[in-house]
Amino acid sequence: MKGKILAYDASTQTGLIAGADGQRYPFPAGEWQSPGTPRTGGSVDFTPHDGEARGLYADTAGCGSSKKIPAALLALLLGVFGVHKFYLGYTKQGLIMLLVFLFGIVLLGIPSMVIGIIAFVEFILYLIKPDEEFEQTYVIGRRPWF
């Protein structure tokens, strides 16, 4: 069954999953079968057993990859206008990039060049991050810069 991790407490090694059937399933960390640790907001595939989740696997199908490539292309092609920030839901950061670029043209273009460099660096970072890490950092973790 598919589900989403609602909470995970590393100190108690327990968590809670919202299953696709609308039920909530607690789980112990020992049932985690994928590399790494469970993360709040992550998609999982599991087997319900006696009201608990068993045999948990991270469900990475279509998660970060659906936003990763478009965000990278927007950063490369329209990054100086902050379009990639708007696409990822970072309105404030997108406005900052847009305004600094536009007003930077008046100030000998130096601020505009800095914004262009930032957009290019973000393009590279988006491409080199694995899909799961991209999702954890920018989609779930909501990290707006680098």
N, C-alpha and C. Protein backbone atom coordinates (compact mmCIF):
# COMPACT_ATOMS: atom_id res chain seq x y z
N MET A 1 0.85 -1.17 0.00
CA MET A 1 0.00 0.00 0.00
C MET A 1 0.90 1.24 0.00
N LYS A 2 0.43 2.26 -0.66
CA LYS A 2 1.16 3.53 -0.70
C LYS A 2 0.75 4.38 0.50
N GLY A 3 1.65 5.26 0.93
CA GLY A 3 1.35 6.15 2.04
C GLY A 3 2.35 7.28 2.12
N LYS A 4 2.15 8.14 3.11
CA LYS A 4 3.02 9.29 3.31
C LYS A 4 3.38 9.34 4.80
N ILE A 5 4.65 9.57 5.09
CA ILE A 5 5.09 9.64 6.47
C ILE A 5 4.63 10.97 7.06
N LEU A 6 3.78 10.88 8.08
CA LEU A 6 3.27 12.08 8.74
C LEU A 6 4.25 12.60 9.79
N ALA A 7 4.91 11.67 10.47
CA ALA A 7 5.85 12.05 11.53
C ALA A 7 6.86 10.93 11.71
N TYR A 8 8.08 11.33 12.07
CA TYR A 8 9.10 10.35 12.44
C TYR A 8 9.96 10.97 13.52
N ASP A 9 10.10 10.26 14.63
CA ASP A 9 10.89 10.72 15.77
C ASP A 9 12.13 9.83 15.87
N ALA A 10 13.29 10.40 15.56
CA ALA A 10 14.53 9.63 15.57
C ALA A 10 14.91 9.19 16.98
N SER A 11 14.53 9.96 17.99
CA SER A 11 14.91 9.60 19.36
C SER A 11 14.16 8.36 19.85
N THR A 12 12.89 8.20 19.47
CA THR A 12 12.13 7.02 19.89
C THR A 12 12.12 5.94 18.81
N GLN A 13 12.64 6.28 17.62
CA GLN A 13 12.70 5.34 16.50
C GLN A 13 11.30 4.85 16.09
N THR A 14 10.32 5.77 16.12
CA THR A 14 8.97 5.43 15.73
C THR A 14 8.42 6.50 14.80
N GLY A 15 7.39 6.13 14.04
CA GLY A 15 6.79 7.08 13.13
C GLY A 15 5.33 6.76 12.87
N LEU A 16 4.71 7.59 12.06
CA LEU A 16 3.30 7.43 11.72
C LEU A 16 3.11 7.68 10.24
N ILE A 17 2.35 6.80 9.60
CA ILE A 17 2.10 6.88 8.16
C ILE A 17 0.61 7.07 7.92
N ALA A 18 0.27 7.93 6.96
CA ALA A 18 -1.10 8.04 6.46
C ALA A 18 -1.18 7.16 5.23
N GLY A 19 -1.96 6.09 5.31
CA GLY A 19 -2.09 5.17 4.20
C GLY A 19 -3.06 5.68 3.14
N ALA A 20 -2.97 5.12 1.95
CA ALA A 20 -3.85 5.51 0.85
C ALA A 20 -5.31 5.17 1.16
N ASP A 21 -5.53 4.27 2.12
CA ASP A 21 -6.89 3.89 2.50
C ASP A 21 -7.51 4.83 3.53
N GLY A 22 -6.77 5.88 3.91
CA GLY A 22 -7.28 6.85 4.87
C GLY A 22 -6.94 6.51 6.32
N GLN A 23 -6.38 5.35 6.56
CA GLN A 23 -6.01 4.94 7.92
C GLN A 23 -4.60 5.43 8.26
N ARG A 24 -4.32 5.51 9.54
CA ARG A 24 -2.98 5.87 10.01
C ARG A 24 -2.33 4.64 10.62
N TYR A 25 -1.06 4.46 10.30
CA TYR A 25 -0.34 3.28 10.74
C TYR A 25 0.95 3.68 11.44
N PRO A 26 1.12 3.29 12.71
CA PRO A 26 2.41 3.53 13.37
C PRO A 26 3.43 2.52 12.83
N PHE A 27 4.70 2.88 12.95
CA PHE A 27 5.74 1.95 12.52
C PHE A 27 7.00 2.14 13.36
N PRO A 28 7.72 1.05 13.63
CA PRO A 28 9.02 1.15 14.27
C PRO A 28 10.11 1.30 13.20
N ALA A 29 11.20 1.94 13.53
CA ALA A 29 12.28 2.18 12.57
C ALA A 29 12.86 0.88 12.03
N GLY A 30 12.74 -0.19 12.77
CA GLY A 30 13.27 -1.48 12.33
C GLY A 30 12.59 -2.02 11.09
N GLU A 31 11.42 -1.50 10.76
CA GLU A 31 10.70 -1.93 9.56
C GLU A 31 11.14 -1.18 8.31
N TRP A 32 11.99 -0.16 8.46
CA TRP A 32 12.47 0.64 7.33
C TRP A 32 13.47 -0.17 6.53
N GLN A 33 13.19 -0.43 5.26
CA GLN A 33 14.01 -1.30 4.43
C GLN A 33 14.88 -0.54 3.42
N SER A 34 14.65 0.74 3.23
CA SER A 34 15.40 1.52 2.24
C SER A 34 16.65 2.12 2.87
N PRO A 35 17.62 2.52 2.04
CA PRO A 35 18.80 3.20 2.57
C PRO A 35 18.40 4.53 3.22
N GLY A 36 19.17 4.96 4.19
CA GLY A 36 18.89 6.21 4.87
C GLY A 36 17.86 6.02 5.97
N THR A 37 17.30 7.12 6.41
CA THR A 37 16.30 7.08 7.46
C THR A 37 14.98 7.62 6.94
N PRO A 38 13.87 7.24 7.58
CA PRO A 38 12.58 7.78 7.16
C PRO A 38 12.54 9.29 7.38
N ARG A 39 11.87 10.01 6.49
CA ARG A 39 11.75 11.46 6.60
C ARG A 39 10.29 11.87 6.53
N THR A 40 9.93 12.78 7.41
CA THR A 40 8.57 13.30 7.42
C THR A 40 8.23 13.88 6.05
N GLY A 41 7.08 13.51 5.52
CA GLY A 41 6.64 13.98 4.21
C GLY A 41 7.01 13.05 3.08
N GLY A 42 7.85 12.06 3.35
CA GLY A 42 8.28 11.14 2.31
C GLY A 42 7.18 10.14 1.93
N SER A 43 7.17 9.75 0.67
CA SER A 43 6.22 8.74 0.20
C SER A 43 6.80 7.37 0.45
N VAL A 44 5.94 6.43 0.86
CA VAL A 44 6.40 5.08 1.17
C VAL A 44 5.46 4.04 0.58
N ASP A 45 5.99 2.85 0.47
CA ASP A 45 5.22 1.67 0.10
C ASP A 45 5.38 0.71 1.27
N PHE A 46 4.28 0.19 1.80
CA PHE A 46 4.35 -0.65 2.98
C PHE A 46 3.24 -1.69 2.97
N THR A 47 3.33 -2.62 3.92
CA THR A 47 2.31 -3.63 4.10
C THR A 47 1.65 -3.41 5.45
N PRO A 48 0.34 -3.20 5.48
CA PRO A 48 -0.34 -3.07 6.76
C PRO A 48 -0.51 -4.45 7.42
N HIS A 49 -0.23 -4.52 8.72
CA HIS A 49 -0.34 -5.79 9.45
C HIS A 49 -0.72 -5.49 10.89
N ASP A 50 -1.90 -5.94 11.31
CA ASP A 50 -2.40 -5.72 12.68
C ASP A 50 -2.36 -4.25 13.08
N GLY A 51 -2.76 -3.36 12.18
CA GLY A 51 -2.83 -1.94 12.50
C GLY A 51 -1.51 -1.21 12.46
N GLU A 52 -0.43 -1.89 12.07
CA GLU A 52 0.89 -1.27 11.97
C GLU A 52 1.41 -1.41 10.55
N ALA A 53 2.38 -0.56 10.21
CA ALA A 53 3.03 -0.64 8.90
C ALA A 53 4.25 -1.54 9.01
N ARG A 54 4.38 -2.45 8.08
CA ARG A 54 5.51 -3.38 8.04
C ARG A 54 6.19 -3.29 6.68
N GLY A 55 7.47 -3.61 6.65
CA GLY A 55 8.21 -3.66 5.38
C GLY A 55 8.15 -2.36 4.61
N LEU A 56 8.59 -1.27 5.21
CA LEU A 56 8.52 0.05 4.59
C LEU A 56 9.66 0.26 3.59
N TYR A 57 9.30 0.78 2.44
CA TYR A 57 10.27 1.16 1.42
C TYR A 57 9.97 2.58 0.96
N ALA A 58 11.00 3.36 0.73
CA ALA A 58 10.81 4.71 0.19
C ALA A 58 10.25 4.58 -1.21
N ASP A 59 9.20 5.32 -1.50
CA ASP A 59 8.58 5.31 -2.83
C ASP A 59 9.08 6.54 -3.57
N THR A 60 10.11 6.36 -4.38
CA THR A 60 10.72 7.49 -5.08
C THR A 60 10.19 7.64 -6.49
N ALA A 61 9.26 6.81 -6.90
CA ALA A 61 8.74 6.90 -8.27
C ALA A 61 8.03 8.22 -8.48
N GLY A 62 8.61 9.04 -9.35
CA GLY A 62 7.98 10.29 -9.74
C GLY A 62 8.01 11.39 -8.71
N CYS A 63 8.80 11.25 -7.64
CA CYS A 63 8.74 12.30 -6.63
C CYS A 63 9.52 13.53 -7.04
N GLY A 64 10.82 13.59 -6.80
CA GLY A 64 11.55 14.80 -7.11
C GLY A 64 11.77 15.01 -8.59
N SER A 65 11.78 13.94 -9.37
CA SER A 65 12.08 14.07 -10.78
C SER A 65 11.02 14.88 -11.53
N SER A 66 9.81 14.93 -11.01
CA SER A 66 8.77 15.66 -11.72
C SER A 66 9.02 17.17 -11.68
N LYS A 67 9.74 17.66 -10.69
CA LYS A 67 10.03 19.09 -10.61
C LYS A 67 11.50 19.40 -10.89
N LYS A 68 12.35 18.41 -10.80
CA LYS A 68 13.79 18.65 -10.90
C LYS A 68 14.21 19.19 -12.27
N ILE A 69 13.88 18.50 -13.34
CA ILE A 69 14.32 18.91 -14.67
C ILE A 69 13.68 20.23 -15.10
N PRO A 70 12.37 20.42 -14.92
CA PRO A 70 11.80 21.73 -15.28
C PRO A 70 12.41 22.87 -14.46
N ALA A 71 12.66 22.64 -13.18
CA ALA A 71 13.26 23.69 -12.35
C ALA A 71 14.68 24.01 -12.84
N ALA A 72 15.44 22.99 -13.20
CA ALA A 72 16.79 23.20 -13.70
C ALA A 72 16.77 23.98 -15.02
N LEU A 73 15.88 23.60 -15.92
CA LEU A 73 15.80 24.31 -17.21
C LEU A 73 15.35 25.76 -17.02
N LEU A 74 14.41 25.98 -16.12
CA LEU A 74 13.97 27.36 -15.85
C LEU A 74 15.10 28.18 -15.23
N ALA A 75 15.91 27.55 -14.36
CA ALA A 75 17.05 28.26 -13.77
C ALA A 75 18.06 28.64 -14.84
N LEU A 76 18.27 27.77 -15.82
CA LEU A 76 19.22 28.06 -16.89
C LEU A 76 18.69 29.13 -17.85
N LEU A 77 17.45 28.98 -18.29
CA LEU A 77 16.92 29.85 -19.33
C LEU A 77 16.32 31.17 -18.81
N LEU A 78 15.64 31.12 -17.68
CA LEU A 78 14.96 32.31 -17.15
C LEU A 78 15.31 32.58 -15.69
N GLY A 79 16.42 32.02 -15.25
CA GLY A 79 16.81 32.13 -13.85
C GLY A 79 17.04 33.55 -13.36
N VAL A 80 17.51 34.44 -14.23
CA VAL A 80 17.76 35.82 -13.80
C VAL A 80 16.46 36.52 -13.40
N PHE A 81 15.34 36.04 -13.89
CA PHE A 81 14.04 36.60 -13.52
C PHE A 81 13.42 35.87 -12.34
N GLY A 82 14.09 34.85 -11.81
CA GLY A 82 13.60 34.11 -10.65
C GLY A 82 12.47 33.15 -10.97
N VAL A 83 12.28 32.81 -12.24
CA VAL A 83 11.16 31.96 -12.65
C VAL A 83 11.24 30.58 -11.98
N HIS A 84 12.45 30.03 -11.85
CA HIS A 84 12.58 28.72 -11.20
C HIS A 84 12.16 28.77 -9.74
N LYS A 85 12.36 29.91 -9.08
CA LYS A 85 11.92 30.06 -7.69
C LYS A 85 10.39 30.07 -7.61
N PHE A 86 9.76 30.80 -8.51
CA PHE A 86 8.30 30.81 -8.55
C PHE A 86 7.76 29.40 -8.80
N TYR A 87 8.41 28.67 -9.71
CA TYR A 87 7.98 27.31 -10.05
C TYR A 87 8.03 26.39 -8.83
N LEU A 88 9.06 26.54 -8.00
CA LEU A 88 9.20 25.70 -6.81
C LEU A 88 8.38 26.20 -5.62
N GLY A 89 7.71 27.33 -5.79
CA GLY A 89 6.85 27.85 -4.74
C GLY A 89 7.51 28.87 -3.82
N TYR A 90 8.67 29.37 -4.18
CA TYR A 90 9.39 30.35 -3.37
C TYR A 90 9.12 31.74 -3.93
N THR A 91 7.94 32.28 -3.64
CA THR A 91 7.53 33.56 -4.21
C THR A 91 8.43 34.70 -3.76
N LYS A 92 8.73 34.77 -2.47
CA LYS A 92 9.56 35.86 -1.95
C LYS A 92 10.95 35.86 -2.60
N GLN A 93 11.56 34.70 -2.70
CA GLN A 93 12.89 34.61 -3.31
C GLN A 93 12.84 34.92 -4.80
N GLY A 94 11.76 34.51 -5.46
CA GLY A 94 11.58 34.83 -6.88
C GLY A 94 11.48 36.33 -7.10
N LEU A 95 10.71 36.99 -6.24
CA LEU A 95 10.59 38.46 -6.35
C LEU A 95 11.92 39.15 -6.09
N ILE A 96 12.68 38.64 -5.11
CA ILE A 96 14.00 39.22 -4.83
C ILE A 96 14.89 39.13 -6.06
N MET A 97 14.94 37.96 -6.69
CA MET A 97 15.78 37.79 -7.87
C MET A 97 15.32 38.69 -9.01
N LEU A 98 14.02 38.76 -9.22
CA LEU A 98 13.47 39.59 -10.29
C LEU A 98 13.79 41.07 -10.08
N LEU A 99 13.54 41.56 -8.87
CA LEU A 99 13.78 42.99 -8.59
C LEU A 99 15.25 43.35 -8.61
N VAL A 100 16.10 42.49 -8.05
CA VAL A 100 17.54 42.76 -8.08
C VAL A 100 18.04 42.78 -9.52
N PHE A 101 17.55 41.86 -10.35
CA PHE A 101 17.95 41.86 -11.75
C PHE A 101 17.51 43.14 -12.46
N LEU A 102 16.24 43.50 -12.29
CA LEU A 102 15.72 44.68 -12.99
C LEU A 102 16.38 45.98 -12.51
N PHE A 103 16.50 46.16 -11.21
CA PHE A 103 17.15 47.37 -10.69
C PHE A 103 18.66 47.33 -10.88
N GLY A 104 19.21 46.14 -11.01
CA GLY A 104 20.64 46.00 -11.23
C GLY A 104 21.08 46.51 -12.58
N ILE A 105 20.18 46.50 -13.54
CA ILE A 105 20.51 47.02 -14.87
C ILE A 105 20.85 48.50 -14.76
N VAL A 106 20.14 49.20 -13.90
CA VAL A 106 20.38 50.64 -13.69
C VAL A 106 21.73 50.86 -13.02
N LEU A 107 22.15 49.97 -12.18
CA LEU A 107 23.39 50.11 -11.41
C LEU A 107 24.57 49.43 -12.10
N LEU A 108 24.80 49.76 -13.34
CA LEU A 108 25.92 49.26 -14.15
C LEU A 108 25.86 47.75 -14.41
N GLY A 109 24.75 47.12 -14.11
CA GLY A 109 24.58 45.71 -14.42
C GLY A 109 25.25 44.74 -13.48
N ILE A 110 25.99 45.21 -12.50
CA ILE A 110 26.72 44.29 -11.60
C ILE A 110 25.76 43.42 -10.79
N PRO A 111 24.73 44.00 -10.14
CA PRO A 111 23.79 43.13 -9.42
C PRO A 111 23.10 42.13 -10.35
N SER A 112 22.83 42.54 -11.57
CA SER A 112 22.20 41.63 -12.54
C SER A 112 23.11 40.47 -12.89
N MET A 113 24.41 40.73 -13.01
CA MET A 113 25.36 39.66 -13.29
C MET A 113 25.45 38.69 -12.11
N VAL A 114 25.39 39.23 -10.89
CA VAL A 114 25.43 38.38 -9.70
C VAL A 114 24.21 37.46 -9.68
N ILE A 115 23.04 37.99 -10.00
CA ILE A 115 21.82 37.18 -10.05
C ILE A 115 21.95 36.11 -11.14
N GLY A 116 22.55 36.45 -12.27
CA GLY A 116 22.78 35.46 -13.33
C GLY A 116 23.69 34.34 -12.87
N ILE A 117 24.72 34.68 -12.12
CA ILE A 117 25.65 33.66 -11.60
C ILE A 117 24.92 32.76 -10.59
N ILE A 118 24.11 33.38 -9.72
CA ILE A 118 23.35 32.59 -8.74
C ILE A 118 22.41 31.62 -9.47
N ALA A 119 21.72 32.09 -10.49
CA ALA A 119 20.80 31.24 -11.24
C ALA A 119 21.55 30.09 -11.91
N PHE A 120 22.75 30.36 -12.45
CA PHE A 120 23.53 29.31 -13.10
C PHE A 120 24.02 28.28 -12.08
N VAL A 121 24.46 28.75 -10.91
CA VAL A 121 24.90 27.83 -9.86
C VAL A 121 23.73 26.94 -9.42
N GLU A 122 22.53 27.53 -9.28
CA GLU A 122 21.37 26.73 -8.90
C GLU A 122 21.01 25.72 -10.00
N PHE A 123 21.17 26.09 -11.26
CA PHE A 123 20.96 25.17 -12.37
C PHE A 123 21.87 23.95 -12.22
N ILE A 124 23.14 24.18 -11.96
CA ILE A 124 24.11 23.09 -11.80
C ILE A 124 23.75 22.23 -10.59
N LEU A 125 23.42 22.88 -9.46
CA LEU A 125 23.07 22.12 -8.25
C LEU A 125 21.82 21.26 -8.46
N TYR A 126 20.83 21.80 -9.14
CA TYR A 126 19.62 21.04 -9.40
C TYR A 126 19.93 19.80 -10.23
N LEU A 127 20.82 19.93 -11.20
CA LEU A 127 21.14 18.80 -12.07
C LEU A 127 21.96 17.72 -11.38
N ILE A 128 22.89 18.10 -10.52
CA ILE A 128 23.78 17.10 -9.93
C ILE A 128 23.18 16.40 -8.72
N LYS A 129 22.15 16.96 -8.12
CA LYS A 129 21.52 16.30 -6.97
C LYS A 129 20.69 15.12 -7.45
N PRO A 130 20.79 13.99 -6.74
CA PRO A 130 19.90 12.87 -7.07
C PRO A 130 18.44 13.28 -6.85
N ASP A 131 17.53 12.62 -7.54
CA ASP A 131 16.11 12.98 -7.46
C ASP A 131 15.59 13.02 -6.04
N GLU A 132 15.91 12.00 -5.24
CA GLU A 132 15.41 11.94 -3.86
C GLU A 132 15.96 13.10 -3.03
N GLU A 133 17.24 13.41 -3.20
CA GLU A 133 17.83 14.51 -2.44
C GLU A 133 17.25 15.85 -2.89
N PHE A 134 16.99 16.01 -4.19
CA PHE A 134 16.36 17.23 -4.69
C PHE A 134 15.00 17.43 -4.03
N GLU A 135 14.21 16.36 -3.99
CA GLU A 135 12.88 16.47 -3.38
C GLU A 135 12.99 16.80 -1.90
N GLN A 136 13.89 16.11 -1.19
CA GLN A 136 14.02 16.36 0.24
C GLN A 136 14.50 17.78 0.52
N THR A 137 15.38 18.31 -0.31
CA THR A 137 15.94 19.64 -0.08
C THR A 137 15.01 20.75 -0.49
N TYR A 138 14.48 20.70 -1.70
CA TYR A 138 13.76 21.84 -2.26
C TYR A 138 12.24 21.72 -2.23
N VAL A 139 11.70 20.50 -2.29
CA VAL A 139 10.25 20.35 -2.32
C VAL A 139 9.70 20.12 -0.92
N ILE A 140 10.25 19.14 -0.19
CA ILE A 140 9.77 18.85 1.16
C ILE A 140 10.44 19.76 2.18
N GLY A 141 11.77 19.88 2.10
CA GLY A 141 12.51 20.68 3.07
C GLY A 141 12.35 22.17 2.91
N ARG A 142 11.85 22.60 1.74
CA ARG A 142 11.59 24.03 1.46
C ARG A 142 12.82 24.90 1.67
N ARG A 143 13.97 24.45 1.20
CA ARG A 143 15.21 25.23 1.29
C ARG A 143 15.29 26.14 0.06
N PRO A 144 15.15 27.47 0.22
CA PRO A 144 15.02 28.34 -0.94
C PRO A 144 16.33 28.67 -1.67
N TRP A 145 17.45 28.66 -0.99
CA TRP A 145 18.70 29.06 -1.64
C TRP A 145 19.71 27.92 -1.54
N PHE A 146 20.45 27.74 -2.62
CA PHE A 146 21.52 26.75 -2.74
C PHE A 146 21.19 25.53 -1.92
